[in-house]
Amino acid sequence: MPSNQQVPLGVAGMDTQEGLFEQLIQLLELHLRLLKGLNTLAQKKEQSLVKADIAEIQKITDAENTLIVQSGQVEKQRQRVTTELRDRLGIPGDGRLSDLFERMPPQAQALLVRLRDEINDTVQALELQNRRNKELIEKSLHFYDTYYNMLRRATEAPAPAYGPQGDGGAVTRSLINRKI
């Protein structure tokens, strides 16, 4: 979902039970699209991490944040619709989809099962991709930390040198030697 689009607030005529079921399905489909978008961005981020393209990583991170905010908005609407349906049907509970499943029309049940499976598969793929990205980031940080420590040790170690009168002594090296 492009960042300039708003999450739908509902469809006209959706105040009936069937309309609420339809709205619930639409919200789940939207949530699935957002998760797939996050997964695509995570894959692009992996490529950018390998290339160490900081500017591209920042752009991807900004886009991820937009999708995460939109996903949160969709989830709030899903909870609202689920609660409204649960209340209309007199089902006690906390607004979980599983509480409504038995009361949904058969077509909606089949669609809900498909969406649930796709959402679960996409979430698992996203978790795996995020773990790979985390490992790349940790390896990069370890490399930079090791490199920095190596440079620091090299500049702090005393080196043998001769003074102006030819006497020997140790001098601490500087990373950049310059004469003033």
Protein backbone atom coordinates (compact mmCIF):
# COMPACT_ATOMS: atom_id res chain seq x y z
CA MET A 1 0.00 0.00 0.00
CA PRO A 2 1.58 3.30 -1.00
CA SER A 3 2.36 5.60 1.90
CA ASN A 4 -0.05 8.28 0.66
CA GLN A 5 -3.10 6.00 0.83
CA GLN A 6 -5.18 5.76 3.96
CA VAL A 7 -6.43 2.56 5.47
CA PRO A 8 -10.09 2.10 4.47
CA LEU A 9 -12.52 2.99 7.21
CA GLY A 10 -15.22 0.69 5.92
CA VAL A 11 -17.45 0.18 2.98
CA ALA A 12 -20.85 1.79 2.59
CA GLY A 13 -23.64 -0.56 3.62
CA MET A 14 -21.28 -2.61 5.73
CA ASP A 15 -23.31 -2.30 8.92
CA THR A 16 -25.08 -5.62 8.31
CA GLN A 17 -23.67 -8.85 9.68
CA GLU A 18 -22.73 -10.03 6.19
CA GLY A 19 -21.22 -6.63 5.45
CA LEU A 20 -19.11 -6.84 8.59
CA PHE A 21 -17.90 -10.31 7.59
CA GLU A 22 -16.96 -8.88 4.18
CA GLN A 23 -15.18 -5.95 5.81
CA LEU A 24 -13.28 -8.37 8.03
CA ILE A 25 -12.13 -10.35 4.99
CA GLN A 26 -11.07 -7.14 3.22
CA LEU A 27 -9.06 -6.04 6.24
CA LEU A 28 -7.31 -9.42 6.39
CA GLU A 29 -6.51 -9.22 2.67
CA LEU A 30 -5.08 -5.74 3.19
CA HIS A 31 -3.05 -6.97 6.16
CA LEU A 32 -1.67 -9.78 3.99
CA ARG A 33 -0.64 -7.30 1.27
CA LEU A 34 1.12 -5.15 3.86
CA LEU A 35 2.98 -8.19 5.25
CA LYS A 36 4.05 -9.22 1.75
CA GLY A 37 5.28 -5.66 1.19
CA LEU A 38 7.31 -5.85 4.40
CA ASN A 39 8.79 -9.14 3.27
CA THR A 40 9.77 -7.68 -0.11
CA LEU A 41 11.41 -4.72 1.62
CA ALA A 42 13.26 -7.06 4.00
CA GLN A 43 14.65 -8.95 1.00
CA LYS A 44 15.78 -5.67 -0.58
CA LYS A 45 17.33 -4.68 2.72
CA GLU A 46 19.40 -7.87 2.71
CA GLN A 47 20.85 -6.93 -0.68
CA SER A 48 21.56 -3.40 0.54
CA LEU A 49 23.24 -4.74 3.69
CA VAL A 50 25.52 -6.93 1.59
CA LYS A 51 26.42 -3.91 -0.56
CA ALA A 52 26.70 -1.70 2.57
CA ASP A 53 24.49 0.87 0.83
CA ILE A 54 23.57 3.01 3.83
CA ALA A 55 21.38 5.45 1.88
CA GLU A 56 19.31 2.60 0.43
CA ILE A 57 19.05 0.92 3.83
CA GLN A 58 17.65 4.17 5.26
CA LYS A 59 15.07 4.45 2.46
CA ILE A 60 14.00 0.84 2.99
CA THR A 61 13.76 1.35 6.75
CA ASP A 62 11.56 4.42 6.25
CA ALA A 63 9.29 2.46 3.90
CA GLU A 64 9.15 -0.41 6.42
CA ASN A 65 8.12 2.00 9.17
CA THR A 66 5.29 3.32 6.97
CA LEU A 67 4.01 -0.20 6.31
CA ILE A 68 4.25 -1.09 10.00
CA VAL A 69 2.15 1.94 10.95
CA GLN A 70 -0.42 1.04 8.29
CA SER A 71 -0.45 -2.56 9.49
CA GLY A 72 -1.18 -1.33 13.01
CA GLN A 73 -4.09 0.74 11.72
CA VAL A 74 -5.49 -2.26 9.86
CA GLU A 75 -5.15 -4.42 12.98
CA LYS A 76 -7.07 -1.88 15.07
CA GLN A 77 -9.86 -1.88 12.50
CA ARG A 78 -9.85 -5.69 12.39
CA GLN A 79 -10.20 -5.81 16.16
CA ARG A 80 -13.04 -3.28 16.03
CA VAL A 81 -14.92 -5.22 13.35
CA THR A 82 -14.30 -8.54 15.12
CA THR A 83 -15.58 -7.10 18.42
CA GLU A 84 -18.64 -5.65 16.71
CA LEU A 85 -19.43 -8.98 15.07
CA ARG A 86 -18.87 -10.84 18.33
CA ASP A 87 -21.19 -8.45 20.16
CA ARG A 88 -23.90 -8.76 17.48
CA LEU A 89 -23.72 -12.53 17.59
CA GLY A 90 -23.64 -12.66 21.40
CA ILE A 91 -20.32 -14.49 21.49
CA PRO A 92 -18.31 -13.97 24.67
CA GLY A 93 -14.60 -13.50 24.19
CA ASP A 94 -11.88 -11.05 23.42
CA GLY A 95 -12.44 -10.35 19.74
CA ARG A 96 -10.53 -13.32 18.36
CA LEU A 97 -11.30 -14.53 14.85
CA SER A 98 -11.54 -18.13 16.03
CA ASP A 99 -14.57 -17.12 18.13
CA LEU A 100 -16.40 -16.03 14.96
CA PHE A 101 -15.30 -18.77 12.59
CA GLU A 102 -18.23 -21.12 13.22
CA ARG A 103 -20.76 -18.34 12.58
CA MET A 104 -19.24 -17.13 9.33
CA PRO A 105 -20.83 -18.00 5.99
CA PRO A 106 -19.19 -21.09 4.37
CA GLN A 107 -17.54 -19.03 1.61
CA ALA A 108 -16.11 -16.67 4.19
CA GLN A 109 -14.84 -19.63 6.24
CA ALA A 110 -12.94 -21.02 3.25
CA LEU A 111 -11.50 -17.61 2.44
CA LEU A 112 -10.56 -17.06 6.07
CA VAL A 113 -8.68 -20.37 6.18
CA ARG A 114 -6.77 -19.44 3.02
CA LEU A 115 -5.97 -15.97 4.36
CA ARG A 116 -4.87 -17.38 7.72
CA ASP A 117 -2.53 -19.83 5.99
CA GLU A 118 -1.10 -17.14 3.69
CA ILE A 119 -0.65 -14.70 6.58
CA ASN A 120 1.10 -17.38 8.67
CA ASP A 121 3.37 -18.35 5.75
CA THR A 122 4.21 -14.69 5.06
CA VAL A 123 4.93 -13.99 8.73
CA GLN A 124 7.23 -17.02 8.89
CA ALA A 125 9.06 -15.90 5.73
CA LEU A 126 9.36 -12.37 7.14
CA GLU A 127 10.73 -13.69 10.46
CA LEU A 128 13.32 -15.78 8.58
CA GLN A 129 14.34 -12.81 6.41
CA ASN A 130 14.60 -10.55 9.46
CA ARG A 131 16.84 -13.13 11.20
CA ARG A 132 19.13 -13.19 8.12
CA ASN A 133 19.24 -9.38 8.09
CA LYS A 134 19.99 -9.31 11.82
CA GLU A 135 22.87 -11.75 11.30
CA LEU A 136 24.26 -9.59 8.49
CA ILE A 137 24.05 -6.49 10.69
CA GLU A 138 25.73 -8.28 13.59
CA LYS A 139 28.53 -9.58 11.34
CA SER A 140 29.04 -6.09 9.91
CA LEU A 141 29.20 -4.58 13.40
CA HIS A 142 31.65 -7.27 14.49
CA PHE A 143 33.83 -6.58 11.44
CA TYR A 144 33.84 -2.82 12.05
CA ASP A 145 34.49 -3.32 15.75
CA THR A 146 37.42 -5.65 15.02
CA TYR A 147 38.80 -3.27 12.40
CA TYR A 148 38.48 -0.29 14.75
CA ASN A 149 40.21 -2.17 17.60
CA MET A 150 43.02 -3.23 15.26
CA LEU A 151 43.57 0.39 14.20
CA ARG A 152 43.42 1.59 17.79
CA ARG A 153 46.00 -0.98 18.95
CA ALA A 154 48.28 -0.10 16.06
CA THR A 155 48.22 3.59 16.96
CA GLU A 156 48.63 3.07 20.71
CA ALA A 157 51.56 0.65 20.55
CA PRO A 158 54.95 2.25 21.19
CA ALA A 159 57.38 2.01 18.30
CA PRO A 160 61.17 2.20 18.49
CA ALA A 161 62.56 5.52 17.33
CA TYR A 162 65.69 7.62 17.48
CA GLY A 163 65.66 11.06 19.01
CA PRO A 164 67.42 14.20 17.69
CA GLN A 165 70.70 13.27 19.46
CA GLY A 166 70.56 9.70 18.14
CA ASP A 167 69.33 8.24 21.38
CA GLY A 168 66.82 5.42 21.11
CA GLY A 169 63.43 5.45 22.74
CA ALA A 170 59.86 4.48 22.24
CA VAL A 171 57.38 6.81 20.59
CA THR A 172 53.64 6.34 20.42
CA ARG A 173 52.46 6.24 16.85
CA SER A 174 49.78 8.44 15.53
CA LEU A 175 47.33 7.25 12.91
CA ILE A 176 48.20 10.32 10.87
CA ASN A 177 51.71 11.68 10.99
CA ARG A 178 52.06 15.35 10.21
CA LYS A 179 54.65 17.99 10.77
CA ILE A 180 53.73 21.38 12.10
